[in-house]
C-alpha atoms as a PDB file:
ATOM      1  CA  MET A   1      87.945  27.089  26.690  1.00  0.00           C
ATOM      2  CA  ALA A   2      85.491  25.022  28.764  1.00  0.00           C
ATOM      3  CA  LYS A   3      81.805  25.744  28.397  1.00  0.00           C
ATOM      4  CA  MET A   4      80.333  27.533  31.389  1.00  0.00           C
ATOM      5  CA  THR A   5      76.909  27.453  33.022  1.00  0.00           C
ATOM      6  CA  GLN A   6      75.213  28.791  36.118  1.00  0.00           C
ATOM      7  CA  CYS A   7      74.684  26.839  39.325  1.00  0.00           C
ATOM      8  CA  LYS A   8      70.983  26.204  39.858  1.00  0.00           C
ATOM      9  CA  SER A   9      71.405  26.823  43.593  1.00  0.00           C
ATOM     10  CA  CYS A  10      73.689  29.837  43.980  1.00  0.00           C
ATOM     11  CA  SER A  11      73.800  31.164  40.401  1.00  0.00           C
ATOM     12  CA  LYS A  12      77.585  31.240  40.322  1.00  0.00           C
ATOM     13  CA  GLU A  13      79.250  30.522  37.014  1.00  0.00           C
ATOM     14  CA  ILE A  14      80.737  27.054  36.903  1.00  0.00           C
ATOM     15  CA  ALA A  15      82.044  24.664  34.290  1.00  0.00           C
ATOM     16  CA  ALA A  16      79.257  22.934  32.366  1.00  0.00           C
ATOM     17  CA  LYS A  17      80.845  19.522  32.950  1.00  0.00           C
ATOM     18  CA  ALA A  18      81.356  20.065  36.707  1.00  0.00           C
ATOM     19  CA  LYS A  19      79.444  17.582  38.837  1.00  0.00           C
ATOM     20  CA  PHE A  20      79.317  19.930  41.860  1.00  0.00           C
ATOM     21  CA  CYS A  21      79.325  23.692  42.324  1.00  0.00           C
ATOM     22  CA  PRO A  22      82.686  24.785  43.891  1.00  0.00           C
ATOM     23  CA  GLY A  23      80.881  27.533  45.795  1.00  0.00           C
ATOM     24  CA  CYS A  24      77.820  25.830  47.336  1.00  0.00           C
ATOM     25  CA  GLY A  25      78.502  22.153  46.641  1.00  0.00           C
ATOM     26  CA  ALA A  26      75.156  21.614  44.863  1.00  0.00           C
ATOM     27  CA  LYS A  27      74.931  19.008  42.089  1.00  0.00           C
ATOM     28  CA  ASN A  28      75.193  20.383  38.585  1.00  0.00           C
ATOM     29  CA  LYS A  29      72.084  18.787  36.905  1.00  0.00           C
ATOM     30  CA  LYS A  30      71.342  18.904  33.202  1.00  0.00           C
ATOM     31  CA  PRO A  31      68.048  20.510  32.211  1.00  0.00           C
ATOM     32  CA  ILE A  32      65.375  17.801  31.906  1.00  0.00           C
ATOM     33  CA  TYR A  33      64.823  18.489  28.213  1.00  0.00           C
ATOM     34  CA  LYS A  34      68.519  17.656  27.562  1.00  0.00           C
ATOM     35  CA  ARG A  35      68.241  14.182  29.051  1.00  0.00           C
ATOM     36  CA  VAL A  36      67.804  11.109  26.785  1.00  0.00           C
ATOM     37  CA  TRP A  37      65.173   9.413  28.910  1.00  0.00           C
ATOM     38  CA  PHE A  38      63.018  12.566  28.720  1.00  0.00           C
ATOM     39  CA  TRP A  39      62.743  12.289  24.933  1.00  0.00           C
ATOM     40  CA  ILE A  40      62.148   8.551  25.062  1.00  0.00           C
ATOM     41  CA  VAL A  41      59.213   9.110  27.393  1.00  0.00           C
ATOM     42  CA  MET A  42      57.897  11.957  25.223  1.00  0.00           C
ATOM     43  CA  PHE A  43      58.070   9.696  22.150  1.00  0.00           C
ATOM     44  CA  PHE A  44      55.842   7.053  23.731  1.00  0.00           C
ATOM     45  CA  ILE A  45      53.431   9.666  25.063  1.00  0.00           C
ATOM     46  CA  LEU A  46      53.109  11.164  21.589  1.00  0.00           C
ATOM     47  CA  VAL A  47      52.521   7.743  19.964  1.00  0.00           C
ATOM     48  CA  GLY A  48      49.898   6.913  22.583  1.00  0.00           C
ATOM     49  CA  ALA A  49      48.126  10.215  22.034  1.00  0.00           C
ATOM     50  CA  ILE A  50      47.913   9.685  18.270  1.00  0.00           C
ATOM     51  CA  GLY A  51      46.601   6.132  18.695  1.00  0.00           C
ATOM     52  CA  GLY A  52      44.012   7.254  21.238  1.00  0.00           C
ATOM     53  CA  ALA A  53      42.715   9.935  18.920  1.00  0.00           C
ATOM     54  CA  GLY A  54      42.256   7.354  16.158  1.00  0.00           C
ATOM     55  CA  ASP A  55      40.367   5.033  18.495  1.00  0.00           C
ATOM     56  CA  ASN A  56      38.114   7.863  19.624  1.00  0.00           C
ATOM     57  CA  ASN A  57      37.282   8.707  16.020  1.00  0.00           C
ATOM     58  CA  SER A  58      36.454   5.049  15.354  1.00  0.00           C
ATOM     59  CA  ILE A  59      34.277   4.898  18.435  1.00  0.00           C
ATOM     60  CA  ALA A  60      32.513   8.109  17.456  1.00  0.00           C
ATOM     61  CA  THR A  61      31.914   6.837  13.934  1.00  0.00           C
ATOM     62  CA  SER A  62      30.745   3.468  15.183  1.00  0.00           C
ATOM     63  CA  SER A  63      28.477   5.114  17.720  1.00  0.00           C
ATOM     64  CA  GLY A  64      26.983   7.352  15.057  1.00  0.00           C
ATOM     65  CA  THR A  65      26.338   4.388  12.784  1.00  0.00           C
ATOM     66  CA  SER A  66      24.854   2.393  15.621  1.00  0.00           C
ATOM     67  CA  ASN A  67      22.561   5.212  16.630  1.00  0.00           C
ATOM     68  CA  SER A  68      21.441   5.605  13.021  1.00  0.00           C
ATOM     69  CA  ASN A  69      20.722   1.887  12.764  1.00  0.00           C
ATOM     70  CA  VAL A  70      18.757   1.957  16.002  1.00  0.00           C
ATOM     71  CA  GLU A  71      16.766   4.914  14.784  1.00  0.00           C
ATOM     72  CA  LEU A  72      15.975   3.196  11.470  1.00  0.00           C
ATOM     73  CA  SER A  73      15.040  -0.047  13.214  1.00  0.00           C
ATOM     74  CA  GLN A  74      12.728   1.733  15.614  1.00  0.00           C
ATOM     75  CA  ASN A  75      11.067   3.764  12.884  1.00  0.00           C
ATOM     76  CA  GLN A  76       9.556   2.934   9.559  1.00  0.00           C
ATOM     77  CA  LYS A  77      11.450   3.182   6.287  1.00  0.00           C
ATOM     78  CA  PRO A  78      11.375   6.541   4.503  1.00  0.00           C
ATOM     79  CA  GLU A  79       9.110   5.121   1.781  1.00  0.00           C
ATOM     80  CA  GLU A  80       6.652   3.819   4.373  1.00  0.00           C
ATOM     81  CA  LYS A  81       6.647   7.167   6.153  1.00  0.00           C
ATOM     82  CA  VAL A  82       5.752   8.941   2.923  1.00  0.00           C
ATOM     83  CA  GLU A  83       2.905   6.488   2.246  1.00  0.00           C
ATOM     84  CA  ASP A  84       1.614   6.864   5.806  1.00  0.00           C
ATOM     85  CA  LYS A  85       1.816  10.624   5.494  1.00  0.00           C
ATOM     86  CA  ILE A  86      -0.171  10.559   2.272  1.00  0.00           C
ATOM     87  CA  ASP A  87      -2.702   8.164   3.814  1.00  0.00           C
ATOM     88  CA  ASP A  88      -3.021  10.396   6.868  1.00  0.00           C
ATOM     89  CA  ASN A  89      -3.839  13.314   4.587  1.00  0.00           C
ATOM     90  CA  VAL A  90      -6.887  11.496   3.187  1.00  0.00           C
ATOM     91  CA  PRO A  91     -10.055  12.634   4.977  1.00  0.00           C
ATOM     92  CA  SER A  92     -11.830  10.044   7.108  1.00  0.00           C
ATOM     93  CA  GLU A  93     -14.975  10.372   4.997  1.00  0.00           C
ATOM     94  CA  TYR A  94     -13.029   9.396   1.888  1.00  0.00           C
ATOM     95  CA  LYS A  95     -11.619   6.319   3.626  1.00  0.00           C
ATOM     96  CA  SER A  96     -15.088   5.313   4.820  1.00  0.00           C
ATOM     97  CA  ALA A  97     -16.492   5.744   1.327  1.00  0.00           C
ATOM     98  CA  LEU A  98     -13.770   3.503  -0.062  1.00  0.00           C
ATOM     99  CA  LYS A  99     -14.555   0.787   2.483  1.00  0.00           C
ATOM    100  CA  LYS A 100     -18.247   0.942   1.612  1.00  0.00           C
ATOM    101  CA  ALA A 101     -17.457   0.802  -2.086  1.00  0.00           C
ATOM    102  CA  LYS A 102     -15.352  -2.320  -1.582  1.00  0.00           C
ATOM    103  CA  SER A 103     -18.176  -3.920   0.366  1.00  0.00           C
ATOM    104  CA  TYR A 104     -20.813  -3.201  -2.292  1.00  0.00           C
ATOM    105  CA  SER A 105     -18.541  -4.431  -5.051  1.00  0.00           C
ATOM    106  CA  SER A 106     -17.455  -7.652  -3.361  1.00  0.00           C
ATOM    107  CA  THR A 107     -20.716  -8.714  -1.718  1.00  0.00           C
ATOM    108  CA  MET A 108     -23.280  -7.436  -4.236  1.00  0.00           C
ATOM    109  CA  ASN A 109     -21.194  -7.453  -7.447  1.00  0.00           C
ATOM    110  CA  MET A 110     -22.360  -3.976  -8.320  1.00  0.00           C
ATOM    111  CA  SER A 111     -21.218  -1.895 -11.287  1.00  0.00           C
ATOM    112  CA  LYS A 112     -19.019   1.185 -10.997  1.00  0.00           C
ATOM    113  CA  ALA A 113     -21.957   3.492 -11.658  1.00  0.00           C
ATOM    114  CA  GLY A 114     -24.125   1.486  -9.281  1.00  0.00           C
ATOM    115  CA  VAL A 115     -21.598   1.775  -6.460  1.00  0.00           C
ATOM    116  CA  TYR A 116     -21.178   5.513  -7.026  1.00  0.00           C
ATOM    117  CA  ASP A 117     -24.925   6.124  -7.019  1.00  0.00           C
ATOM    118  CA  GLN A 118     -25.340   4.072  -3.848  1.00  0.00           C
ATOM    119  CA  LEU A 119     -22.585   6.031  -2.100  1.00  0.00           C
ATOM    120  CA  THR A 120     -24.096   9.417  -2.962  1.00  0.00           C
ATOM    121  CA  SER A 121     -27.796   8.484  -2.794  1.00  0.00           C
ATOM    122  CA  GLU A 122     -30.031  10.368  -0.400  1.00  0.00           C
ATOM    123  CA  TYR A 123     -31.588   6.976   0.322  1.00  0.00           C
ATOM    124  CA  GLY A 124     -28.221   5.226   0.453  1.00  0.00           C
ATOM    125  CA  GLU A 125     -24.921   6.173   2.062  1.00  0.00           C
ATOM    126  CA  LYS A 126     -25.144   9.969   1.588  1.00  0.00           C
ATOM    127  CA  PHE A 127     -21.427  10.514   1.034  1.00  0.00           C
ATOM    128  CA  THR A 128     -20.284  13.687  -0.709  1.00  0.00           C
ATOM    129  CA  VAL A 129     -19.611  13.417  -4.419  1.00  0.00           C
ATOM    130  CA  GLU A 130     -15.918  14.056  -3.718  1.00  0.00           C
ATOM    131  CA  ALA A 131     -15.694  11.161  -1.257  1.00  0.00           C
ATOM    132  CA  ALA A 132     -17.626   8.869  -3.605  1.00  0.00           C
ATOM    133  CA  GLN A 133     -15.389   9.775  -6.539  1.00  0.00           C
ATOM    134  CA  TYR A 134     -12.279   9.115  -4.432  1.00  0.00           C
ATOM    135  CA  ALA A 135     -13.684   5.698  -3.578  1.00  0.00           C
ATOM    136  CA  ILE A 136     -14.408   4.844  -7.205  1.00  0.00           C
ATOM    137  CA  ASP A 137     -10.992   6.077  -8.354  1.00  0.00           C
ATOM    138  CA  ASN A 138      -9.207   3.938  -5.769  1.00  0.00           C
ATOM    139  CA  LEU A 139     -11.377   0.834  -5.997  1.00  0.00           C
ATOM    140  CA  GLU A 140      -9.589  -2.110  -7.600  1.00  0.00           C
ATOM    141  CA  VAL A 141     -12.328  -4.208  -9.186  1.00  0.00           C
ATOM    142  CA  ASP A 142     -12.781  -6.337 -12.294  1.00  0.00           C
ATOM    143  CA  TRP A 143     -16.089  -4.888 -13.445  1.00  0.00           C
ATOM    144  CA  ASN A 144     -16.393  -7.524 -16.170  1.00  0.00           C
ATOM    145  CA  GLU A 145     -16.383 -10.214 -13.512  1.00  0.00           C
ATOM    146  CA  ASN A 146     -18.978  -8.350 -11.464  1.00  0.00           C
ATOM    147  CA  ALA A 147     -21.198  -8.154 -14.535  1.00  0.00           C
ATOM    148  CA  LEU A 148     -20.690 -11.862 -15.184  1.00  0.00           C
ATOM    149  CA  LYS A 149     -21.679 -12.782 -11.627  1.00  0.00           C
ATOM    150  CA  LYS A 150     -24.800 -10.633 -11.918  1.00  0.00           C
ATOM    151  CA  ALA A 151     -25.681 -12.315 -15.207  1.00  0.00           C
ATOM    152  CA  GLU A 152     -25.316 -15.747 -13.608  1.00  0.00           C
ATOM    153  CA  SER A 153     -27.572 -14.663 -10.756  1.00  0.00           C
ATOM    154  CA  TYR A 154     -30.317 -13.373 -13.089  1.00  0.00           C
ATOM    155  CA  SER A 155     -30.131 -16.512 -15.201  1.00  0.00           C
ATOM    156  CA  LYS A 156     -30.299 -18.948 -12.288  1.00  0.00           C
ATOM    157  CA  THR A 157     -32.762 -17.217  -9.983  1.00  0.00           C
ATOM    158  CA  MET A 158     -35.071 -15.500 -12.475  1.00  0.00           C
ATOM    159  CA  ASP A 159     -34.686 -17.747 -15.565  1.00  0.00           C
ATOM    160  CA  MET A 160     -34.158 -14.712 -17.766  1.00  0.00           C
ATOM    161  CA  SER A 161     -33.257 -14.738 -21.462  1.00  0.00           C
ATOM    162  CA  LYS A 162     -29.881 -13.647 -22.805  1.00  0.00           C
ATOM    163  CA  ALA A 163     -31.336 -10.391 -24.136  1.00  0.00           C
ATOM    164  CA  GLY A 164     -33.239  -9.878 -20.913  1.00  0.00           C
ATOM    165  CA  VAL A 165     -30.085 -10.287 -18.831  1.00  0.00           C
ATOM    166  CA  TYR A 166     -28.156  -7.905 -21.083  1.00  0.00           C
ATOM    167  CA  ASP A 167     -30.853  -5.227 -20.852  1.00  0.00           C
ATOM    168  CA  GLN A 168     -30.996  -5.573 -17.081  1.00  0.00           C
ATOM    169  CA  LEU A 169     -27.227  -5.209 -16.787  1.00  0.00           C
ATOM    170  CA  ILE A 170     -27.076  -1.945 -18.771  1.00  0.00           C
ATOM    171  CA  SER A 171     -30.408  -0.489 -17.634  1.00  0.00           C
ATOM    172  CA  GLU A 172     -30.373   2.931 -15.961  1.00  0.00           C
ATOM    173  CA  TYR A 173     -32.952   1.470 -13.592  1.00  0.00           C
ATOM    174  CA  GLY A 174     -31.054  -1.803 -13.253  1.00  0.00           C
ATOM    175  CA  GLU A 175     -27.386  -2.588 -12.794  1.00  0.00           C
ATOM    176  CA  LYS A 176     -25.836   0.253 -14.840  1.00  0.00           C
ATOM    177  CA  PHE A 177     -22.933  -1.741 -16.244  1.00  0.00           C
ATOM    178  CA  THR A 178     -21.329  -0.509 -19.453  1.00  0.00           C
ATOM    179  CA  ALA A 179     -22.338  -2.099 -22.756  1.00  0.00           C
ATOM    180  CA  GLU A 180     -18.910  -3.738 -22.984  1.00  0.00           C
ATOM    181  CA  GLU A 181     -19.146  -5.223 -19.494  1.00  0.00           C
ATOM    182  CA  ALA A 182     -22.671  -6.502 -20.135  1.00  0.00           C
ATOM    183  CA  GLN A 183     -21.616  -8.067 -23.423  1.00  0.00           C
ATOM    184  CA  TYR A 184     -18.705  -9.792 -21.739  1.00  0.00           C
ATOM    185  CA  ALA A 185     -21.121 -11.161 -19.143  1.00  0.00           C
ATOM    186  CA  VAL A 186     -23.694 -12.635 -21.541  1.00  0.00           C
ATOM    187  CA  ASP A 187     -20.937 -14.016 -23.766  1.00  0.00           C
ATOM    188  CA  ASN A 188     -19.354 -15.880 -20.883  1.00  0.00           C
ATOM    189  CA  VAL A 189     -22.251 -16.839 -18.631  1.00  0.00           C
ATOM    190  CA  GLN A 190     -22.940 -20.553 -18.369  1.00  0.00           C
ATOM    191  CA  ALA A 191     -26.656 -20.752 -19.094  1.00  0.00           C
ATOM    192  CA  ASP A 192     -29.061 -23.004 -20.967  1.00  0.00           C
ATOM    193  CA  TRP A 193     -31.368 -20.441 -22.534  1.00  0.00           C
ATOM    194  CA  ASN A 194     -33.763 -23.135 -23.814  1.00  0.00           C
ATOM    195  CA  GLU A 195     -34.250 -24.399 -20.278  1.00  0.00           C
ATOM    196  CA  ASN A 196     -34.739 -20.877 -19.006  1.00  0.00           C
ATOM    197  CA  ALA A 197     -37.453 -20.352 -21.608  1.00  0.00           C
ATOM    198  CA  LEU A 198     -39.119 -23.619 -20.586  1.00  0.00           C
ATOM    199  CA  LYS A 199     -39.101 -22.670 -16.905  1.00  0.00           C
ATOM    200  CA  LYS A 200     -40.661 -19.322 -17.764  1.00  0.00           C
ATOM    201  CA  ALA A 201     -43.303 -21.016 -19.899  1.00  0.00           C
ATOM    202  CA  LYS A 202     -44.228 -23.375 -17.062  1.00  0.00           C
ATOM    203  CA  SER A 203     -44.442 -20.449 -14.661  1.00  0.00           C
ATOM    204  CA  TYR A 204     -46.880 -18.608 -16.943  1.00  0.00           C
ATOM    205  CA  GLN A 205     -48.912 -21.797 -17.428  1.00  0.00           C
ATOM    206  CA  GLU A 206     -49.134 -22.637 -13.725  1.00  0.00           C
ATOM    207  CA  THR A 207     -49.576 -19.208 -12.159  1.00  0.00           C
ATOM    208  CA  MET A 208     -51.539 -17.416 -14.884  1.00  0.00           C
ATOM    209  CA  ALA A 209     -53.164 -20.343 -16.743  1.00  0.00           C
ATOM    210  CA  MET A 210     -52.097 -18.920 -20.089  1.00  0.00           C
ATOM    211  CA  SER A 211     -52.520 -20.746 -23.404  1.00  0.00           C
ATOM    212  CA  PRO A 212     -49.460 -22.054 -25.254  1.00  0.00           C
ATOM    213  CA  SER A 213     -49.932 -19.410 -27.938  1.00  0.00           C
ATOM    214  CA  ALA A 214     -50.107 -16.597 -25.382  1.00  0.00           C
ATOM    215  CA  ILE A 215     -47.088 -18.012 -23.574  1.00  0.00           C
ATOM    216  CA  TYR A 216     -45.127 -18.101 -26.812  1.00  0.00           C
ATOM    217  CA  ASP A 217     -45.926 -14.465 -27.530  1.00  0.00           C
ATOM    218  CA  GLN A 218     -44.907 -13.458 -24.000  1.00  0.00           C
ATOM    219  CA  LEU A 219     -41.624 -15.318 -24.289  1.00  0.00           C
ATOM    220  CA  ILE A 220     -40.545 -13.568 -27.489  1.00  0.00           C
ATOM    221  CA  SER A 221     -42.112 -10.157 -26.778  1.00  0.00           C
ATOM    222  CA  GLU A 222     -39.828  -7.112 -26.804  1.00  0.00           C
ATOM    223  CA  TYR A 223     -41.770  -5.973 -23.743  1.00  0.00           C
ATOM    224  CA  GLY A 224     -41.791  -9.424 -22.208  1.00  0.00           C
ATOM    225  CA  GLU A 225     -39.086 -12.057 -21.820  1.00  0.00           C
ATOM    226  CA  LYS A 226     -37.121 -11.437 -25.056  1.00  0.00           C
ATOM    227  CA  PHE A 227     -36.255 -15.072 -25.756  1.00  0.00           C
ATOM    228  CA  THR A 228     -35.448 -16.015 -29.332  1.00  0.00           C
ATOM    229  CA  GLU A 229     -38.146 -17.704 -31.420  1.00  0.00           C
ATOM    230  CA  GLU A 230     -36.179 -20.964 -31.282  1.00  0.00           C
ATOM    231  CA  GLU A 231     -35.955 -20.844 -27.498  1.00  0.00           C
ATOM    232  CA  ALA A 232     -39.655 -20.002 -27.167  1.00  0.00           C
ATOM    233  CA  GLN A 233     -40.648 -22.827 -29.500  1.00  0.00           C
ATOM    234  CA  TYR A 234     -38.515 -25.247 -27.509  1.00  0.00           C
ATOM    235  CA  ALA A 235     -40.384 -24.156 -24.386  1.00  0.00           C
ATOM    236  CA  ILE A 236     -43.823 -24.637 -25.951  1.00  0.00           C
ATOM    237  CA  ASP A 237     -42.873 -27.983 -27.406  1.00  0.00           C
ATOM    238  CA  ASN A 238     -41.811 -29.257 -24.009  1.00  0.00           C
ATOM    239  CA  LEU A 239     -44.721 -28.011 -21.894  1.00  0.00           C
ATOM    240  CA  ASN A 240     -46.732 -30.793 -20.226  1.00  0.00           C
END
């Protein structure tokens, strides 16, 4: 028995294979989903849709990466941001104290204690003790070298003895270097202590008209120049 179907125009029952409806003469068309070309077209549409979705994901990923790169390039690195944040949290007074401390250390070759006292002094910079301590804690200085430069200055400009320089470096009323820093300085300073003693002897002779014996005593005195006996004798022996 032949398969039957309904006419799309008049709804009469007709043979499924009939090309025309016997009643109304309308063409007997197959449903679109039963046609081969329909499925071929659907296949390509489906493939195109899948490919487009993949491209969109790639574009989205690429765009996200690009935006991230732009953001990183326009901003500082995370490590730098942290450092800046920490630096921003330091009070302005502390930063100013640190700058002053660097200046005193580099231009005047002061000791750690000397810099601190100058920062907090009522007659100096008048920083708070907290700001001064921050400055000292963050100051990168070779205190031995500062002591050495001070020793060279005292030797050249004031013709002091080795013991005299040392005492001046550690003095509470002088430079306030540590004993270790002062010792490093006098051990490494380039000085001719005999010549220093001679210059001091000449100064006493010319400005105070002192006798050689009195000059000698002044040169070796614990309360005077503190030269050694050998250095003082060299000075006396070479006076004009």
